[in-house]
Amino acid sequence: MTEQTVPAQGAARRTVTPLAWMGGASALSWLGVTAATGGAAHPEALFGMLGPLASAAATWVAVARTHTVAPQRLTGVLMTGFALKALFFGVYVAVMLMMLGVRPVPFVASFTGYFIALYLIEALFLRRLLMEAPRWPGR
């Protein structure tokens, strides 16, 4: 059966594949960083990964669901997500640095690297999703 004959299967694949890439790339790179530093960047590298990974994964689930149900609402969902992520990251970084007392340099380096990498992955999958979508008449 093709994706056209089973839309739910295609929607599930559009959700799971990016999540697998994000989670797999994050886990493998975190293991690499941990091995390369001999554990010296632990737990900061892990905490620096978890916030951006959770945010990118939640965003992708919202994007995939919205695109399947009401693609015309996608821009609004992305804008709302942007505002929520700004709040989330502010609180997340404050909690990590002030309450948990993680070392700032390894945490910020890890957080920044994962933030950039995960949003690049998300952007590539979003581009692919939008390029596969049928064009609306008159556009």
N, C-alpha and C. Protein backbone atom coordinates (compact mmCIF):
# COMPACT_ATOMS: atom_id res chain seq x y z
N MET A 1 0.84 -1.18 0.00
CA MET A 1 0.00 0.00 0.00
C MET A 1 0.88 1.24 0.00
N THR A 2 0.45 2.23 -0.70
CA THR A 2 1.23 3.46 -0.78
C THR A 2 0.76 4.45 0.26
N GLU A 3 1.54 5.51 0.41
CA GLU A 3 1.20 6.54 1.37
C GLU A 3 -0.11 7.23 1.01
N GLN A 4 -0.44 7.31 -0.29
CA GLN A 4 -1.68 7.95 -0.71
C GLN A 4 -2.89 7.13 -0.28
N THR A 5 -2.78 5.83 -0.24
CA THR A 5 -3.92 5.00 0.11
C THR A 5 -4.11 4.85 1.61
N VAL A 6 -3.08 5.13 2.38
CA VAL A 6 -3.17 5.02 3.82
C VAL A 6 -2.63 6.31 4.44
N PRO A 7 -3.45 7.37 4.52
CA PRO A 7 -2.96 8.65 5.01
C PRO A 7 -2.47 8.59 6.45
N ALA A 8 -3.12 7.81 7.31
CA ALA A 8 -2.70 7.74 8.71
C ALA A 8 -1.29 7.16 8.82
N GLN A 9 -0.98 6.20 7.98
CA GLN A 9 0.36 5.61 7.99
C GLN A 9 1.40 6.65 7.58
N GLY A 10 1.11 7.44 6.58
CA GLY A 10 2.02 8.49 6.14
C GLY A 10 2.20 9.55 7.22
N ALA A 11 1.12 9.90 7.91
CA ALA A 11 1.19 10.89 8.98
C ALA A 11 2.04 10.38 10.13
N ALA A 12 1.86 9.10 10.46
CA ALA A 12 2.67 8.52 11.54
C ALA A 12 4.14 8.51 11.17
N ARG A 13 4.43 8.18 9.92
CA ARG A 13 5.83 8.15 9.47
C ARG A 13 6.43 9.56 9.50
N ARG A 14 5.62 10.57 9.12
CA ARG A 14 6.11 11.94 9.14
C ARG A 14 6.39 12.41 10.55
N THR A 15 5.76 11.80 11.54
CA THR A 15 6.01 12.17 12.93
C THR A 15 7.19 11.39 13.50
N VAL A 16 7.21 10.09 13.30
CA VAL A 16 8.20 9.22 13.94
C VAL A 16 9.60 9.39 13.36
N THR A 17 9.74 9.49 12.06
CA THR A 17 11.06 9.57 11.45
C THR A 17 11.87 10.76 11.96
N PRO A 18 11.33 11.98 11.97
CA PRO A 18 12.11 13.09 12.51
C PRO A 18 12.43 12.92 13.99
N LEU A 19 11.49 12.38 14.76
CA LEU A 19 11.75 12.15 16.18
C LEU A 19 12.87 11.14 16.37
N ALA A 20 12.89 10.11 15.54
CA ALA A 20 13.96 9.12 15.62
C ALA A 20 15.31 9.74 15.28
N TRP A 21 15.35 10.59 14.25
CA TRP A 21 16.59 11.27 13.89
C TRP A 21 17.06 12.19 15.02
N MET A 22 16.14 12.96 15.57
CA MET A 22 16.50 13.88 16.65
C MET A 22 17.01 13.12 17.87
N GLY A 23 16.25 12.12 18.30
CA GLY A 23 16.64 11.35 19.48
C GLY A 23 17.91 10.55 19.26
N GLY A 24 18.00 9.90 18.10
CA GLY A 24 19.18 9.09 17.81
C GLY A 24 20.45 9.91 17.70
N ALA A 25 20.38 11.02 16.96
CA ALA A 25 21.55 11.89 16.81
C ALA A 25 21.96 12.48 18.15
N SER A 26 20.99 12.86 18.95
CA SER A 26 21.30 13.44 20.27
C SER A 26 21.96 12.41 21.18
N ALA A 27 21.38 11.22 21.24
CA ALA A 27 21.93 10.18 22.12
C ALA A 27 23.34 9.77 21.70
N LEU A 28 23.53 9.58 20.39
CA LEU A 28 24.87 9.17 19.92
C LEU A 28 25.91 10.27 20.16
N SER A 29 25.53 11.51 19.90
CA SER A 29 26.50 12.58 20.11
C SER A 29 26.78 12.78 21.60
N TRP A 30 25.76 12.61 22.44
CA TRP A 30 25.99 12.73 23.88
C TRP A 30 26.94 11.63 24.35
N LEU A 31 26.74 10.40 23.86
CA LEU A 31 27.66 9.32 24.21
C LEU A 31 29.08 9.64 23.74
N GLY A 32 29.19 10.21 22.55
CA GLY A 32 30.51 10.61 22.03
C GLY A 32 31.16 11.68 22.88
N VAL A 33 30.40 12.67 23.27
CA VAL A 33 30.94 13.75 24.13
C VAL A 33 31.35 13.18 25.47
N THR A 34 30.52 12.32 26.04
CA THR A 34 30.84 11.71 27.33
C THR A 34 32.11 10.88 27.24
N ALA A 35 32.25 10.10 26.18
CA ALA A 35 33.45 9.29 26.00
C ALA A 35 34.67 10.16 25.75
N ALA A 36 34.52 11.18 24.92
CA ALA A 36 35.66 12.04 24.58
C ALA A 36 36.17 12.84 25.78
N THR A 37 35.26 13.21 26.68
CA THR A 37 35.68 14.00 27.85
C THR A 37 35.94 13.12 29.08
N GLY A 38 35.80 11.83 28.91
CA GLY A 38 36.00 10.93 30.04
C GLY A 38 34.97 11.15 31.14
N GLY A 39 33.82 11.63 30.77
CA GLY A 39 32.76 11.89 31.74
C GLY A 39 32.87 13.23 32.43
N ALA A 40 33.87 14.04 32.06
CA ALA A 40 34.08 15.33 32.72
C ALA A 40 32.96 16.32 32.44
N ALA A 41 32.23 16.14 31.36
CA ALA A 41 31.14 17.05 31.01
C ALA A 41 29.78 16.52 31.47
N HIS A 42 29.80 15.44 32.25
CA HIS A 42 28.56 14.85 32.72
C HIS A 42 28.22 15.44 34.08
N PRO A 43 27.04 15.85 34.42
CA PRO A 43 25.77 15.71 33.73
C PRO A 43 25.41 16.92 32.84
N GLU A 44 26.30 17.91 32.79
CA GLU A 44 25.97 19.13 32.05
C GLU A 44 25.66 18.88 30.58
N ALA A 45 26.42 18.00 29.93
CA ALA A 45 26.17 17.71 28.52
C ALA A 45 24.79 17.06 28.35
N LEU A 46 24.43 16.22 29.27
CA LEU A 46 23.10 15.57 29.22
C LEU A 46 22.00 16.61 29.40
N PHE A 47 22.11 17.45 30.42
CA PHE A 47 21.10 18.47 30.66
C PHE A 47 21.05 19.49 29.52
N GLY A 48 22.21 19.78 28.93
CA GLY A 48 22.24 20.68 27.80
C GLY A 48 21.54 20.10 26.58
N MET A 49 21.48 18.79 26.51
CA MET A 49 20.79 18.11 25.40
C MET A 49 19.29 17.99 25.66
N LEU A 50 18.89 17.70 26.89
CA LEU A 50 17.49 17.35 27.17
C LEU A 50 16.50 18.47 26.88
N GLY A 51 16.81 19.70 27.24
CA GLY A 51 15.89 20.81 27.00
C GLY A 51 15.62 21.04 25.52
N PRO A 52 16.66 21.24 24.71
CA PRO A 52 16.43 21.41 23.28
C PRO A 52 15.78 20.19 22.62
N LEU A 53 16.12 18.99 23.07
CA LEU A 53 15.52 17.79 22.49
C LEU A 53 14.03 17.73 22.81
N ALA A 54 13.66 17.98 24.05
CA ALA A 54 12.24 17.97 24.43
C ALA A 54 11.46 19.03 23.64
N SER A 55 12.04 20.19 23.51
CA SER A 55 11.37 21.27 22.78
C SER A 55 11.22 20.96 21.30
N ALA A 56 12.28 20.48 20.67
CA ALA A 56 12.22 20.16 19.24
C ALA A 56 11.25 19.00 18.99
N ALA A 57 11.24 18.01 19.87
CA ALA A 57 10.32 16.88 19.71
C ALA A 57 8.87 17.32 19.86
N ALA A 58 8.59 18.14 20.87
CA ALA A 58 7.22 18.63 21.07
C ALA A 58 6.78 19.48 19.88
N THR A 59 7.68 20.31 19.39
CA THR A 59 7.35 21.13 18.23
C THR A 59 7.03 20.26 17.03
N TRP A 60 7.85 19.23 16.81
CA TRP A 60 7.62 18.40 15.63
C TRP A 60 6.29 17.65 15.72
N VAL A 61 5.94 17.16 16.89
CA VAL A 61 4.66 16.47 17.04
C VAL A 61 3.52 17.44 16.72
N ALA A 62 3.60 18.67 17.22
CA ALA A 62 2.56 19.67 16.94
C ALA A 62 2.51 20.00 15.45
N VAL A 63 3.67 20.14 14.83
CA VAL A 63 3.73 20.45 13.39
C VAL A 63 3.11 19.32 12.57
N ALA A 64 3.52 18.10 12.85
CA ALA A 64 3.02 16.96 12.07
C ALA A 64 1.51 16.78 12.23
N ARG A 65 1.02 16.92 13.45
CA ARG A 65 -0.42 16.79 13.67
C ARG A 65 -1.20 17.90 12.98
N THR A 66 -0.71 19.12 13.13
CA THR A 66 -1.39 20.25 12.51
C THR A 66 -1.38 20.13 11.00
N HIS A 67 -0.26 19.74 10.44
CA HIS A 67 -0.15 19.62 8.99
C HIS A 67 -1.12 18.56 8.46
N THR A 68 -1.34 17.51 9.22
CA THR A 68 -2.24 16.44 8.80
C THR A 68 -3.70 16.89 8.89
N VAL A 69 -4.06 17.59 9.97
CA VAL A 69 -5.44 17.94 10.23
C VAL A 69 -5.86 19.26 9.58
N ALA A 70 -5.03 20.29 9.73
CA ALA A 70 -5.40 21.63 9.23
C ALA A 70 -4.14 22.37 8.82
N PRO A 71 -3.59 22.07 7.65
CA PRO A 71 -2.32 22.67 7.25
C PRO A 71 -2.33 24.20 7.20
N GLN A 72 -3.49 24.80 6.99
CA GLN A 72 -3.57 26.25 6.94
C GLN A 72 -3.29 26.89 8.31
N ARG A 73 -3.33 26.11 9.37
CA ARG A 73 -3.06 26.62 10.72
C ARG A 73 -1.60 26.48 11.13
N LEU A 74 -0.76 25.95 10.27
CA LEU A 74 0.62 25.63 10.62
C LEU A 74 1.42 26.86 11.06
N THR A 75 1.28 27.97 10.36
CA THR A 75 2.03 29.18 10.73
C THR A 75 1.65 29.64 12.13
N GLY A 76 0.37 29.62 12.45
CA GLY A 76 -0.08 30.02 13.78
C GLY A 76 0.46 29.11 14.87
N VAL A 77 0.47 27.82 14.57
CA VAL A 77 1.01 26.85 15.54
C VAL A 77 2.51 27.11 15.76
N LEU A 78 3.23 27.37 14.69
CA LEU A 78 4.67 27.65 14.82
C LEU A 78 4.92 28.93 15.61
N MET A 79 4.11 29.96 15.39
CA MET A 79 4.29 31.21 16.13
C MET A 79 3.97 31.03 17.62
N THR A 80 2.91 30.31 17.92
CA THR A 80 2.59 30.02 19.31
C THR A 80 3.69 29.19 19.96
N GLY A 81 4.18 28.21 19.21
CA GLY A 81 5.29 27.39 19.72
C GLY A 81 6.53 28.21 19.99
N PHE A 82 6.81 29.19 19.14
CA PHE A 82 7.97 30.06 19.33
C PHE A 82 7.86 30.80 20.67
N ALA A 83 6.70 31.36 20.95
CA ALA A 83 6.50 32.08 22.21
C ALA A 83 6.63 31.14 23.42
N LEU A 84 6.03 29.96 23.31
CA LEU A 84 6.13 28.99 24.41
C LEU A 84 7.56 28.53 24.63
N LYS A 85 8.30 28.33 23.53
CA LYS A 85 9.69 27.90 23.66
C LYS A 85 10.56 28.98 24.31
N ALA A 86 10.29 30.24 24.00
CA ALA A 86 11.05 31.32 24.62
C ALA A 86 10.87 31.28 26.14
N LEU A 87 9.63 31.09 26.59
CA LEU A 87 9.37 30.98 28.02
C LEU A 87 10.02 29.72 28.60
N PHE A 88 9.84 28.60 27.92
CA PHE A 88 10.39 27.34 28.39
C PHE A 88 11.90 27.42 28.56
N PHE A 89 12.59 27.92 27.53
CA PHE A 89 14.05 27.96 27.60
C PHE A 89 14.55 28.91 28.68
N GLY A 90 13.86 30.01 28.89
CA GLY A 90 14.25 30.92 29.96
C GLY A 90 14.17 30.24 31.32
N VAL A 91 13.06 29.56 31.55
CA VAL A 91 12.88 28.84 32.82
C VAL A 91 13.86 27.68 32.92
N TYR A 92 14.02 26.93 31.85
CA TYR A 92 14.90 25.75 31.86
C TYR A 92 16.34 26.13 32.19
N VAL A 93 16.85 27.14 31.52
CA VAL A 93 18.24 27.55 31.76
C VAL A 93 18.38 28.09 33.18
N ALA A 94 17.42 28.87 33.65
CA ALA A 94 17.48 29.41 35.02
C ALA A 94 17.48 28.28 36.05
N VAL A 95 16.62 27.30 35.86
CA VAL A 95 16.55 26.17 36.80
C VAL A 95 17.87 25.39 36.78
N MET A 96 18.39 25.12 35.60
CA MET A 96 19.64 24.36 35.51
C MET A 96 20.80 25.09 36.18
N LEU A 97 20.93 26.38 35.92
CA LEU A 97 22.08 27.12 36.43
C LEU A 97 21.92 27.53 37.90
N MET A 98 20.73 27.95 38.27
CA MET A 98 20.54 28.48 39.63
C MET A 98 20.10 27.44 40.65
N MET A 99 19.21 26.55 40.25
CA MET A 99 18.67 25.60 41.22
C MET A 99 19.46 24.30 41.27
N LEU A 100 19.81 23.78 40.10
CA LEU A 100 20.57 22.52 40.09
C LEU A 100 22.07 22.76 40.19
N GLY A 101 22.50 23.98 39.89
CA GLY A 101 23.91 24.33 40.04
C GLY A 101 24.85 23.63 39.08
N VAL A 102 24.39 23.38 37.84
CA VAL A 102 25.29 22.76 36.87
C VAL A 102 26.40 23.76 36.52
N ARG A 103 27.53 23.24 36.10
CA ARG A 103 28.63 24.12 35.70
C ARG A 103 28.24 24.84 34.42
N PRO A 104 28.37 26.18 34.42
CA PRO A 104 27.85 26.96 33.30
C PRO A 104 28.51 26.67 31.95
N VAL A 105 29.82 26.56 31.90
CA VAL A 105 30.49 26.44 30.59
C VAL A 105 30.12 25.15 29.87
N PRO A 106 30.23 23.98 30.47
CA PRO A 106 29.83 22.78 29.71
C PRO A 106 28.33 22.74 29.42
N PHE A 107 27.51 23.26 30.33
CA PHE A 107 26.07 23.27 30.09
C PHE A 107 25.71 24.18 28.92
N VAL A 108 26.23 25.40 28.94
CA VAL A 108 25.90 26.35 27.87
C VAL A 108 26.45 25.87 26.54
N ALA A 109 27.65 25.31 26.53
CA ALA A 109 28.21 24.78 25.28
C ALA A 109 27.34 23.66 24.73
N SER A 110 26.94 22.75 25.60
CA SER A 110 26.09 21.63 25.18
C SER A 110 24.72 22.14 24.73
N PHE A 111 24.12 23.00 25.52
CA PHE A 111 22.80 23.55 25.21
C PHE A 111 22.81 24.24 23.85
N THR A 112 23.81 25.07 23.63
CA THR A 112 23.90 25.82 22.37
C THR A 112 24.08 24.88 21.18
N GLY A 113 24.99 23.93 21.32
CA GLY A 113 25.22 22.98 20.23
C GLY A 113 23.99 22.17 19.88
N TYR A 114 23.32 21.65 20.91
CA TYR A 114 22.11 20.85 20.65
C TYR A 114 20.97 21.71 20.14
N PHE A 115 20.85 22.92 20.65
CA PHE A 115 19.80 23.83 20.17
C PHE A 115 19.95 24.06 18.68
N ILE A 116 21.14 24.39 18.24
CA ILE A 116 21.39 24.66 16.82
C ILE A 116 21.18 23.39 15.98
N ALA A 117 21.78 22.29 16.41
CA ALA A 117 21.70 21.05 15.63
C ALA A 117 20.26 20.53 15.53
N LEU A 118 19.53 20.55 16.62
CA LEU A 118 18.17 20.03 16.59
C LEU A 118 17.23 20.91 15.77
N TYR A 119 17.44 22.21 15.84
CA TYR A 119 16.59 23.07 15.04
C TYR A 119 16.96 23.02 13.57
N LEU A 120 18.19 22.70 13.26
CA LEU A 120 18.55 22.46 11.87
C LEU A 120 17.86 21.19 11.36
N ILE A 121 17.89 20.13 12.14
CA ILE A 121 17.18 18.90 11.77
C ILE A 121 15.70 19.17 11.59
N GLU A 122 15.13 19.91 12.53
CA GLU A 122 13.70 20.23 12.44
C GLU A 122 13.39 21.05 11.19
N ALA A 123 14.24 22.01 10.88
CA ALA A 123 14.02 22.84 9.69
C ALA A 123 14.10 22.02 8.41
N LEU A 124 15.04 21.09 8.35
CA LEU A 124 15.16 20.24 7.17
C LEU A 124 13.93 19.35 6.98
N PHE A 125 13.44 18.78 8.08
CA PHE A 125 12.25 17.95 7.97
C PHE A 125 11.00 18.79 7.68
N LEU A 126 10.94 20.00 8.20
CA LEU A 126 9.82 20.88 7.90
C LEU A 126 9.82 21.26 6.42
N ARG A 127 10.98 21.55 5.89
CA ARG A 127 11.08 21.86 4.46
C ARG A 127 10.60 20.67 3.63
N ARG A 128 11.05 19.48 4.02
CA ARG A 128 10.64 18.27 3.30
C ARG A 128 9.12 18.07 3.39
N LEU A 129 8.57 18.28 4.57
CA LEU A 129 7.13 18.13 4.76
C LEU A 129 6.36 19.11 3.88
N LEU A 130 6.80 20.34 3.84
CA LEU A 130 6.09 21.35 3.05
C LEU A 130 6.30 21.17 1.56
N MET A 131 7.43 20.65 1.16
CA MET A 131 7.67 20.40 -0.27
C MET A 131 6.84 19.22 -0.77
N GLU A 132 6.56 18.26 0.10
CA GLU A 132 5.74 17.11 -0.29
C GLU A 132 4.26 17.44 -0.34
N ALA A 133 3.86 18.51 0.36
CA ALA A 133 2.44 18.85 0.45
C ALA A 133 1.92 19.33 -0.90
N PRO A 134 0.70 18.96 -1.23
CA PRO A 134 0.13 19.46 -2.48
C PRO A 134 -0.06 20.97 -2.41
N ARG A 135 0.15 21.61 -3.52
CA ARG A 135 -0.01 23.07 -3.62
C ARG A 135 -1.50 23.41 -3.67
N TRP A 136 -1.84 24.51 -3.02
CA TRP A 136 -3.21 24.98 -3.10
C TRP A 136 -3.43 25.64 -4.43
N PRO A 137 -4.61 25.51 -5.00
CA PRO A 137 -4.90 26.15 -6.29
C PRO A 137 -4.70 27.65 -6.20
N GLY A 138 -4.14 28.21 -7.24
CA GLY A 138 -3.94 29.66 -7.31
C GLY A 138 -2.70 30.15 -6.62
N ARG A 139 -1.84 29.23 -6.14
CA ARG A 139 -0.61 29.66 -5.46
C ARG A 139 0.58 29.09 -6.14
